[in-house]
Amino acid sequence: MANTYTADQLQQLRSRGHAMPPSAANDSDSPRFPVANAADLAKAIQAVGRARPNTNAERAKVRRYIMGRARALGLSSQIPDNWAADGSLKDGGP
């Protein structure tokens, strides 16, 4: 996910719950999937497939986080229709 935030800004977003903590599968300590506004939300939705580790469980975790941020921003209508509340896909995809 292309990032327009500095490392300090990402850490601030993470401390406020607006970015996920780094993945254990990633060598970086950089927070991931920052969602502070509608544009970030759209980018995060598109980037779910790049979650690491590349597992259904990790992608579901990222989707749940994104859905929570969408609710907090009043943008739940932007969540794809095929995302279930538990983070899985209703059509059974990855």
PDB file of N, CA and C in Angstrom:
ATOM      1  N   MET A   1       0.858  -1.162   0.000  1.00  0.00           N
ATOM      2  CA  MET A   1       0.000   0.000   0.000  1.00  0.00           C
ATOM      3  C   MET A   1       0.903   1.223   0.000  1.00  0.00           C
ATOM      4  N   ALA A   2       0.818   2.025  -1.017  1.00  0.00           N
ATOM      5  CA  ALA A   2       1.615   3.239  -1.079  1.00  0.00           C
ATOM      6  C   ALA A   2       1.262   4.121   0.101  1.00  0.00           C
ATOM      7  N   ASN A   3       2.288   4.681   0.706  1.00  0.00           N
ATOM      8  CA  ASN A   3       2.083   5.391   1.948  1.00  0.00           C
ATOM      9  C   ASN A   3       2.516   6.843   1.808  1.00  0.00           C
ATOM     10  N   THR A   4       1.670   7.750   2.236  1.00  0.00           N
ATOM     11  CA  THR A   4       2.012   9.166   2.189  1.00  0.00           C
ATOM     12  C   THR A   4       2.350   9.697   3.573  1.00  0.00           C
ATOM     13  N   TYR A   5       2.425   8.810   4.551  1.00  0.00           N
ATOM     14  CA  TYR A   5       2.720   9.205   5.920  1.00  0.00           C
ATOM     15  C   TYR A   5       4.191   8.980   6.236  1.00  0.00           C
ATOM     16  N   THR A   6       4.746   9.846   7.079  1.00  0.00           N
ATOM     17  CA  THR A   6       6.108   9.644   7.565  1.00  0.00           C
ATOM     18  C   THR A   6       6.077   8.563   8.642  1.00  0.00           C
ATOM     19  N   ALA A   7       7.236   8.071   9.012  1.00  0.00           N
ATOM     20  CA  ALA A   7       7.316   7.045  10.054  1.00  0.00           C
ATOM     21  C   ALA A   7       6.728   7.570  11.366  1.00  0.00           C
ATOM     22  N   ASP A   8       7.009   8.824  11.707  1.00  0.00           N
ATOM     23  CA  ASP A   8       6.458   9.404  12.938  1.00  0.00           C
ATOM     24  C   ASP A   8       4.939   9.511  12.870  1.00  0.00           C
ATOM     25  N   GLN A   9       4.418   9.912  11.723  1.00  0.00           N
ATOM     26  CA  GLN A   9       2.970  10.023  11.565  1.00  0.00           C
ATOM     27  C   GLN A   9       2.308   8.646  11.692  1.00  0.00           C
ATOM     28  N   LEU A  10       2.947   7.625  11.114  1.00  0.00           N
ATOM     29  CA  LEU A  10       2.406   6.273  11.223  1.00  0.00           C
ATOM     30  C   LEU A  10       2.366   5.818  12.679  1.00  0.00           C
ATOM     31  N   GLN A  11       3.413   6.127  13.429  1.00  0.00           N
ATOM     32  CA  GLN A  11       3.438   5.757  14.847  1.00  0.00           C
ATOM     33  C   GLN A  11       2.330   6.486  15.613  1.00  0.00           C
ATOM     34  N   GLN A  12       2.097   7.754  15.271  1.00  0.00           N
ATOM     35  CA  GLN A  12       1.015   8.504  15.915  1.00  0.00           C
ATOM     36  C   GLN A  12      -0.344   7.899  15.574  1.00  0.00           C
ATOM     37  N   LEU A  13      -0.534   7.534  14.314  1.00  0.00           N
ATOM     38  CA  LEU A  13      -1.786   6.896  13.901  1.00  0.00           C
ATOM     39  C   LEU A  13      -1.980   5.576  14.650  1.00  0.00           C
ATOM     40  N   ARG A  14      -0.910   4.821  14.767  1.00  0.00           N
ATOM     41  CA  ARG A  14      -1.002   3.541  15.486  1.00  0.00           C
ATOM     42  C   ARG A  14      -1.379   3.774  16.943  1.00  0.00           C
ATOM     43  N   SER A  15      -0.781   4.769  17.580  1.00  0.00           N
ATOM     44  CA  SER A  15      -1.066   5.021  18.999  1.00  0.00           C
ATOM     45  C   SER A  15      -2.527   5.416  19.215  1.00  0.00           C
ATOM     46  N   ARG A  16      -3.166   5.968  18.194  1.00  0.00           N
ATOM     47  CA  ARG A  16      -4.582   6.346  18.288  1.00  0.00           C
ATOM     48  C   ARG A  16      -5.510   5.237  17.779  1.00  0.00           C
ATOM     49  N   GLY A  17      -4.925   4.124  17.346  1.00  0.00           N
ATOM     50  CA  GLY A  17      -5.730   3.020  16.829  1.00  0.00           C
ATOM     51  C   GLY A  17      -6.145   3.208  15.392  1.00  0.00           C
ATOM     52  N   HIS A  18      -5.469   4.093  14.682  1.00  0.00           N
ATOM     53  CA  HIS A  18      -5.814   4.380  13.287  1.00  0.00           C
ATOM     54  C   HIS A  18      -4.878   3.682  12.303  1.00  0.00           C
ATOM     55  N   ALA A  19      -4.044   2.785  12.812  1.00  0.00           N
ATOM     56  CA  ALA A  19      -3.181   1.950  11.982  1.00  0.00           C
ATOM     57  C   ALA A  19      -2.929   0.661  12.747  1.00  0.00           C
ATOM     58  N   MET A  20      -2.772  -0.429  12.012  1.00  0.00           N
ATOM     59  CA  MET A  20      -2.515  -1.719  12.656  1.00  0.00           C
ATOM     60  C   MET A  20      -1.052  -1.809  13.061  1.00  0.00           C
ATOM     61  N   PRO A  21      -0.765  -2.571  14.116  1.00  0.00           N
ATOM     62  CA  PRO A  21       0.635  -2.785  14.482  1.00  0.00           C
ATOM     63  C   PRO A  21       1.347  -3.589  13.402  1.00  0.00           C
ATOM     64  N   PRO A  22       2.663  -3.557  13.397  1.00  0.00           N
ATOM     65  CA  PRO A  22       3.403  -4.342  12.410  1.00  0.00           C
ATOM     66  C   PRO A  22       3.088  -5.829  12.534  1.00  0.00           C
ATOM     67  N   SER A  23       3.191  -6.521  11.446  1.00  0.00           N
ATOM     68  CA  SER A  23       2.979  -7.963  11.426  1.00  0.00           C
ATOM     69  C   SER A  23       4.247  -8.660  11.899  1.00  0.00           C
ATOM     70  N   ALA A  24       4.083  -9.755  12.612  1.00  0.00           N
ATOM     71  CA  ALA A  24       5.231 -10.551  13.036  1.00  0.00           C
ATOM     72  C   ALA A  24       5.966 -11.128  11.830  1.00  0.00           C
ATOM     73  N   ALA A  25       5.281 -11.254  10.702  1.00  0.00           N
ATOM     74  CA  ALA A  25       5.877 -11.814   9.492  1.00  0.00           C
ATOM     75  C   ALA A  25       6.682 -10.780   8.710  1.00  0.00           C
ATOM     76  N   ASN A  26       6.690  -9.542   9.195  1.00  0.00           N
ATOM     77  CA  ASN A  26       7.345  -8.456   8.478  1.00  0.00           C
ATOM     78  C   ASN A  26       8.564  -8.006   9.277  1.00  0.00           C
ATOM     79  N   ASP A  27       9.676  -7.782   8.609  1.00  0.00           N
ATOM     80  CA  ASP A  27      10.888  -7.321   9.280  1.00  0.00           C
ATOM     81  C   ASP A  27      10.785  -5.866   9.717  1.00  0.00           C
ATOM     82  N   SER A  28       9.858  -5.137   9.164  1.00  0.00           N
ATOM     83  CA  SER A  28       9.693  -3.728   9.469  1.00  0.00           C
ATOM     84  C   SER A  28       8.931  -3.550  10.777  1.00  0.00           C
ATOM     85  N   ASP A  29       9.200  -2.462  11.473  1.00  0.00           N
ATOM     86  CA  ASP A  29       8.414  -2.162  12.676  1.00  0.00           C
ATOM     87  C   ASP A  29       7.399  -1.062  12.378  1.00  0.00           C
ATOM     88  N   SER A  30       7.130  -0.871  11.096  1.00  0.00           N
ATOM     89  CA  SER A  30       6.217   0.175  10.664  1.00  0.00           C
ATOM     90  C   SER A  30       4.764  -0.272  10.779  1.00  0.00           C
ATOM     91  N   PRO A  31       3.910   0.554  11.384  1.00  0.00           N
ATOM     92  CA  PRO A  31       2.484   0.235  11.414  1.00  0.00           C
ATOM     93  C   PRO A  31       1.951   0.068   9.993  1.00  0.00           C
ATOM     94  N   ARG A  32       0.873  -0.656   9.877  1.00  0.00           N
ATOM     95  CA  ARG A  32       0.343  -0.942   8.545  1.00  0.00           C
ATOM     96  C   ARG A  32      -1.138  -0.634   8.476  1.00  0.00           C
ATOM     97  N   PHE A  33      -1.634  -0.493   7.268  1.00  0.00           N
ATOM     98  CA  PHE A  33      -3.033  -0.193   6.976  1.00  0.00           C
ATOM     99  C   PHE A  33      -3.536   1.040   7.730  1.00  0.00           C
ATOM    100  N   PRO A  34      -2.874   2.192   7.548  1.00  0.00           N
ATOM    101  CA  PRO A  34      -3.375   3.405   8.198  1.00  0.00           C
ATOM    102  C   PRO A  34      -4.714   3.827   7.598  1.00  0.00           C
ATOM    103  N   VAL A  35      -5.678   4.148   8.447  1.00  0.00           N
ATOM    104  CA  VAL A  35      -6.997   4.577   7.983  1.00  0.00           C
ATOM    105  C   VAL A  35      -7.420   5.774   8.832  1.00  0.00           C
ATOM    106  N   ALA A  36      -7.079   6.965   8.354  1.00  0.00           N
ATOM    107  CA  ALA A  36      -7.429   8.194   9.060  1.00  0.00           C
ATOM    108  C   ALA A  36      -8.547   8.961   8.369  1.00  0.00           C
ATOM    109  N   ASN A  37      -8.844   8.593   7.108  1.00  0.00           N
ATOM    110  CA  ASN A  37      -9.861   9.321   6.341  1.00  0.00           C
ATOM    111  C   ASN A  37     -10.408   8.422   5.225  1.00  0.00           C
ATOM    112  N   ALA A  38     -11.321   8.957   4.448  1.00  0.00           N
ATOM    113  CA  ALA A  38     -11.980   8.173   3.393  1.00  0.00           C
ATOM    114  C   ALA A  38     -10.993   7.678   2.334  1.00  0.00           C
ATOM    115  N   ALA A  39     -10.022   8.493   1.978  1.00  0.00           N
ATOM    116  CA  ALA A  39      -9.045   8.077   0.972  1.00  0.00           C
ATOM    117  C   ALA A  39      -8.214   6.905   1.492  1.00  0.00           C
ATOM    118  N   ASP A  40      -7.805   6.975   2.762  1.00  0.00           N
ATOM    119  CA  ASP A  40      -7.057   5.871   3.366  1.00  0.00           C
ATOM    120  C   ASP A  40      -7.900   4.605   3.400  1.00  0.00           C
ATOM    121  N   LEU A  41      -9.177   4.759   3.700  1.00  0.00           N
ATOM    122  CA  LEU A  41     -10.082   3.611   3.760  1.00  0.00           C
ATOM    123  C   LEU A  41     -10.123   2.903   2.407  1.00  0.00           C
ATOM    124  N   ALA A  42     -10.275   3.658   1.347  1.00  0.00           N
ATOM    125  CA  ALA A  42     -10.316   3.073   0.003  1.00  0.00           C
ATOM    126  C   ALA A  42      -9.014   2.342  -0.313  1.00  0.00           C
ATOM    127  N   LYS A  43      -7.882   2.927   0.056  1.00  0.00           N
ATOM    128  CA  LYS A  43      -6.587   2.283  -0.185  1.00  0.00           C
ATOM    129  C   LYS A  43      -6.459   0.998   0.618  1.00  0.00           C
ATOM    130  N   ALA A  44      -6.892   1.031   1.878  1.00  0.00           N
ATOM    131  CA  ALA A  44      -6.786  -0.154   2.738  1.00  0.00           C
ATOM    132  C   ALA A  44      -7.648  -1.296   2.202  1.00  0.00           C
ATOM    133  N   ILE A  45      -8.845  -0.973   1.752  1.00  0.00           N
ATOM    134  CA  ILE A  45      -9.735  -2.002   1.196  1.00  0.00           C
ATOM    135  C   ILE A  45      -9.061  -2.676   0.001  1.00  0.00           C
ATOM    136  N   GLN A  46      -8.429  -1.893  -0.841  1.00  0.00           N
ATOM    137  CA  GLN A  46      -7.743  -2.440  -2.018  1.00  0.00           C
ATOM    138  C   GLN A  46      -6.515  -3.263  -1.646  1.00  0.00           C
ATOM    139  N   ALA A  47      -5.902  -2.973  -0.499  1.00  0.00           N
ATOM    140  CA  ALA A  47      -4.636  -3.594  -0.127  1.00  0.00           C
ATOM    141  C   ALA A  47      -4.772  -4.849   0.727  1.00  0.00           C
ATOM    142  N   VAL A  48      -5.977  -5.240   1.095  1.00  0.00           N
ATOM    143  CA  VAL A  48      -6.153  -6.394   1.987  1.00  0.00           C
ATOM    144  C   VAL A  48      -5.423  -7.629   1.472  1.00  0.00           C
ATOM    145  N   GLY A  49      -5.423  -7.862   0.199  1.00  0.00           N
ATOM    146  CA  GLY A  49      -4.771  -9.039  -0.377  1.00  0.00           C
ATOM    147  C   GLY A  49      -3.271  -9.063  -0.180  1.00  0.00           C
ATOM    148  N   ARG A  50      -2.685  -7.930   0.188  1.00  0.00           N
ATOM    149  CA  ARG A  50      -1.241  -7.866   0.411  1.00  0.00           C
ATOM    150  C   ARG A  50      -0.870  -8.026   1.884  1.00  0.00           C
ATOM    151  N   ALA A  51      -1.840  -8.394   2.709  1.00  0.00           N
ATOM    152  CA  ALA A  51      -1.570  -8.593   4.140  1.00  0.00           C
ATOM    153  C   ALA A  51      -0.568  -9.735   4.313  1.00  0.00           C
ATOM    154  N   ARG A  52       0.315  -9.569   5.280  1.00  0.00           N
ATOM    155  CA  ARG A  52       1.304 -10.594   5.592  1.00  0.00           C
ATOM    156  C   ARG A  52       1.201 -10.949   7.057  1.00  0.00           C
ATOM    157  N   PRO A  53       1.240 -12.229   7.407  1.00  0.00           N
ATOM    158  CA  PRO A  53       1.451 -13.366   6.523  1.00  0.00           C
ATOM    159  C   PRO A  53       0.261 -13.568   5.596  1.00  0.00           C
ATOM    160  N   ASN A  54       0.511 -14.195   4.480  1.00  0.00           N
ATOM    161  CA  ASN A  54      -0.493 -14.369   3.431  1.00  0.00           C
ATOM    162  C   ASN A  54      -1.410 -15.540   3.782  1.00  0.00           C
ATOM    163  N   THR A  55      -2.286 -15.315   4.776  1.00  0.00           N
ATOM    164  CA  THR A  55      -3.216 -16.363   5.208  1.00  0.00           C
ATOM    165  C   THR A  55      -4.632 -15.800   5.254  1.00  0.00           C
ATOM    166  N   ASN A  56      -5.617 -16.688   5.176  1.00  0.00           N
ATOM    167  CA  ASN A  56      -7.009 -16.248   5.294  1.00  0.00           C
ATOM    168  C   ASN A  56      -7.246 -15.591   6.645  1.00  0.00           C
ATOM    169  N   ALA A  57      -6.643 -16.142   7.699  1.00  0.00           N
ATOM    170  CA  ALA A  57      -6.837 -15.595   9.043  1.00  0.00           C
ATOM    171  C   ALA A  57      -6.298 -14.161   9.138  1.00  0.00           C
ATOM    172  N   GLU A  58      -5.147 -13.901   8.551  1.00  0.00           N
ATOM    173  CA  GLU A  58      -4.578 -12.549   8.607  1.00  0.00           C
ATOM    174  C   GLU A  58      -5.423 -11.578   7.788  1.00  0.00           C
ATOM    175  N   ARG A  59      -5.876 -12.001   6.612  1.00  0.00           N
ATOM    176  CA  ARG A  59      -6.724 -11.115   5.810  1.00  0.00           C
ATOM    177  C   ARG A  59      -8.033 -10.824   6.533  1.00  0.00           C
ATOM    178  N   ALA A  60      -8.602 -11.807   7.232  1.00  0.00           N
ATOM    179  CA  ALA A  60      -9.833 -11.585   8.006  1.00  0.00           C
ATOM    180  C   ALA A  60      -9.572 -10.580   9.136  1.00  0.00           C
ATOM    181  N   LYS A  61      -8.425 -10.704   9.783  1.00  0.00           N
ATOM    182  CA  LYS A  61      -8.048  -9.769  10.847  1.00  0.00           C
ATOM    183  C   LYS A  61      -7.960  -8.348  10.299  1.00  0.00           C
ATOM    184  N   VAL A  62      -7.341  -8.188   9.142  1.00  0.00           N
ATOM    185  CA  VAL A  62      -7.211  -6.865   8.517  1.00  0.00           C
ATOM    186  C   VAL A  62      -8.594  -6.334   8.130  1.00  0.00           C
ATOM    187  N   ARG A  63      -9.445  -7.191   7.577  1.00  0.00           N
ATOM    188  CA  ARG A  63     -10.798  -6.746   7.208  1.00  0.00           C
ATOM    189  C   ARG A  63     -11.574  -6.273   8.437  1.00  0.00           C
ATOM    190  N   ARG A  64     -11.484  -7.007   9.546  1.00  0.00           N
ATOM    191  CA  ARG A  64     -12.188  -6.593  10.776  1.00  0.00           C
ATOM    192  C   ARG A  64     -11.700  -5.225  11.242  1.00  0.00           C
ATOM    193  N   TYR A  65     -10.381  -5.024  11.199  1.00  0.00           N
ATOM    194  CA  TYR A  65      -9.820  -3.721  11.567  1.00  0.00           C
ATOM    195  C   TYR A  65     -10.364  -2.627  10.639  1.00  0.00           C
ATOM    196  N   ILE A  66     -10.353  -2.878   9.341  1.00  0.00           N
ATOM    197  CA  ILE A  66     -10.829  -1.884   8.369  1.00  0.00           C
ATOM    198  C   ILE A  66     -12.308  -1.580   8.599  1.00  0.00           C
ATOM    199  N   MET A  67     -13.111  -2.613   8.865  1.00  0.00           N
ATOM    200  CA  MET A  67     -14.539  -2.389   9.121  1.00  0.00           C
ATOM    201  C   MET A  67     -14.732  -1.530  10.373  1.00  0.00           C
ATOM    202  N   GLY A  68     -13.927  -1.740  11.386  1.00  0.00           N
ATOM    203  CA  GLY A  68     -14.017  -0.918  12.591  1.00  0.00           C
ATOM    204  C   GLY A  68     -13.660   0.524  12.330  1.00  0.00           C
ATOM    205  N   ARG A  69     -12.618   0.750  11.541  1.00  0.00           N
ATOM    206  CA  ARG A  69     -12.226   2.117  11.200  1.00  0.00           C
ATOM    207  C   ARG A  69     -13.308   2.777  10.344  1.00  0.00           C
ATOM    208  N   ALA A  70     -13.908   2.008   9.427  1.00  0.00           N
ATOM    209  CA  ALA A  70     -14.983   2.553   8.585  1.00  0.00           C
ATOM    210  C   ALA A  70     -16.153   2.995   9.468  1.00  0.00           C
ATOM    211  N   ARG A  71     -16.520   2.172  10.451  1.00  0.00           N
ATOM    212  CA  ARG A  71     -17.601   2.539  11.387  1.00  0.00           C
ATOM    213  C   ARG A  71     -17.246   3.825  12.128  1.00  0.00           C
ATOM    214  N   ALA A  72     -16.015   3.904  12.617  1.00  0.00           N
ATOM    215  CA  ALA A  72     -15.580   5.081  13.376  1.00  0.00           C
ATOM    216  C   ALA A  72     -15.619   6.348  12.529  1.00  0.00           C
ATOM    217  N   LEU A  73     -15.379   6.208  11.244  1.00  0.00           N
ATOM    218  CA  LEU A  73     -15.374   7.355  10.335  1.00  0.00           C
ATOM    219  C   LEU A  73     -16.757   7.632   9.741  1.00  0.00           C
ATOM    220  N   GLY A  74     -17.735   6.789  10.049  1.00  0.00           N
ATOM    221  CA  GLY A  74     -19.066   6.946   9.476  1.00  0.00           C
ATOM    222  C   GLY A  74     -19.114   6.552   8.010  1.00  0.00           C
ATOM    223  N   LEU A  75     -18.238   5.631   7.627  1.00  0.00           N
ATOM    224  CA  LEU A  75     -18.121   5.242   6.218  1.00  0.00           C
ATOM    225  C   LEU A  75     -18.382   3.752   6.002  1.00  0.00           C
ATOM    226  N   SER A  76     -19.210   3.165   6.835  1.00  0.00           N
ATOM    227  CA  SER A  76     -19.492   1.731   6.712  1.00  0.00           C
ATOM    228  C   SER A  76     -20.044   1.360   5.346  1.00  0.00           C
ATOM    229  N   SER A  77     -20.689   2.290   4.687  1.00  0.00           N
ATOM    230  CA  SER A  77     -21.250   2.011   3.357  1.00  0.00           C
ATOM    231  C   SER A  77     -20.157   1.725   2.324  1.00  0.00           C
ATOM    232  N   GLN A  78     -18.921   2.052   2.629  1.00  0.00           N
ATOM    233  CA  GLN A  78     -17.814   1.828   1.695  1.00  0.00           C
ATOM    234  C   GLN A  78     -17.275   0.401   1.751  1.00  0.00           C
ATOM    235  N   ILE A  79     -17.659  -0.346   2.783  1.00  0.00           N
ATOM    236  CA  ILE A  79     -17.172  -1.716   2.930  1.00  0.00           C
ATOM    237  C   ILE A  79     -17.812  -2.589   1.844  1.00  0.00           C
ATOM    238  N   PRO A  80     -17.009  -3.407   1.166  1.00  0.00           N
ATOM    239  CA  PRO A  80     -17.563  -4.273   0.114  1.00  0.00           C
ATOM    240  C   PRO A  80     -18.678  -5.178   0.649  1.00  0.00           C
ATOM    241  N   ASP A  81     -19.672  -5.410  -0.160  1.00  0.00           N
ATOM    242  CA  ASP A  81     -20.828  -6.221   0.228  1.00  0.00           C
ATOM    243  C   ASP A  81     -20.461  -7.661   0.548  1.00  0.00           C
ATOM    244  N   ASN A  82     -19.362  -8.156  -0.001  1.00  0.00           N
ATOM    245  CA  ASN A  82     -19.013  -9.558   0.228  1.00  0.00           C
ATOM    246  C   ASN A  82     -18.155  -9.776   1.475  1.00  0.00           C
ATOM    247  N   TRP A  83     -17.947  -8.741   2.294  1.00  0.00           N
ATOM    248  CA  TRP A  83     -17.216  -8.891   3.552  1.00  0.00           C
ATOM    249  C   TRP A  83     -18.202  -9.229   4.657  1.00  0.00           C
ATOM    250  N   ALA A  84     -17.991 -10.341   5.343  1.00  0.00           N
ATOM    251  CA  ALA A  84     -18.821 -10.734   6.480  1.00  0.00           C
ATOM    252  C   ALA A  84     -18.309 -10.031   7.741  1.00  0.00           C
ATOM    253  N   ALA A  85     -19.147  -9.945   8.759  1.00  0.00           N
ATOM    254  CA  ALA A  85     -18.793  -9.252  10.004  1.00  0.00           C
ATOM    255  C   ALA A  85     -17.575  -9.856  10.687  1.00  0.00           C
ATOM    256  N   ASP A  86     -17.328 -11.147  10.478  1.00  0.00           N
ATOM    257  CA  ASP A  86     -16.180 -11.794  11.121  1.00  0.00           C
ATOM    258  C   ASP A  86     -14.884 -11.631  10.316  1.00  0.00           C
ATOM    259  N   GLY A  87     -14.943 -10.889   9.213  1.00  0.00           N
ATOM    260  CA  GLY A  87     -13.768 -10.642   8.390  1.00  0.00           C
ATOM    261  C   GLY A  87     -13.588 -11.621   7.250  1.00  0.00           C
ATOM    262  N   SER A  88     -14.387 -12.658   7.229  1.00  0.00           N
ATOM    263  CA  SER A  88     -14.305 -13.614   6.115  1.00  0.00           C
ATOM    264  C   SER A  88     -15.023 -13.021   4.906  1.00  0.00           C
ATOM    265  N   LEU A  89     -14.938 -13.730   3.803  1.00  0.00           N
ATOM    266  CA  LEU A  89     -15.655 -13.319   2.605  1.00  0.00           C
ATOM    267  C   LEU A  89     -16.906 -14.173   2.469  1.00  0.00           C
ATOM    268  N   LYS A  90     -18.022 -13.540   2.179  1.00  0.00           N
ATOM    269  CA  LYS A  90     -19.298 -14.243   2.065  1.00  0.00           C
ATOM    270  C   LYS A  90     -19.284 -15.239   0.914  1.00  0.00           C
ATOM    271  N   ASP A  91     -18.491 -14.976  -0.120  1.00  0.00           N
ATOM    272  CA  ASP A  91     -18.429 -15.898  -1.263  1.00  0.00           C
ATOM    273  C   ASP A  91     -17.359 -16.966  -1.095  1.00  0.00           C
ATOM    274  N   GLY A  92     -16.690 -16.973   0.056  1.00  0.00           N
ATOM    275  CA  GLY A  92     -15.688 -17.995   0.346  1.00  0.00           C
ATOM    276  C   GLY A  92     -14.321 -17.747  -0.227  1.00  0.00           C
ATOM    277  N   GLY A  93     -14.097 -16.604  -0.851  1.00  0.00           N
ATOM    278  CA  GLY A  93     -12.780 -16.300  -1.420  1.00  0.00           C
ATOM    279  C   GLY A  93     -11.753 -16.015  -0.342  1.00  0.00           C
ATOM    280  N   PRO A  94     -10.510 -15.751  -0.734  1.00  0.00           N
ATOM    281  CA  PRO A  94      -9.430 -15.511   0.237  1.00  0.00           C
ATOM    282  C   PRO A  94      -9.546 -14.199   0.987  1.00  0.00           C
TER     283      PRO A  94
END
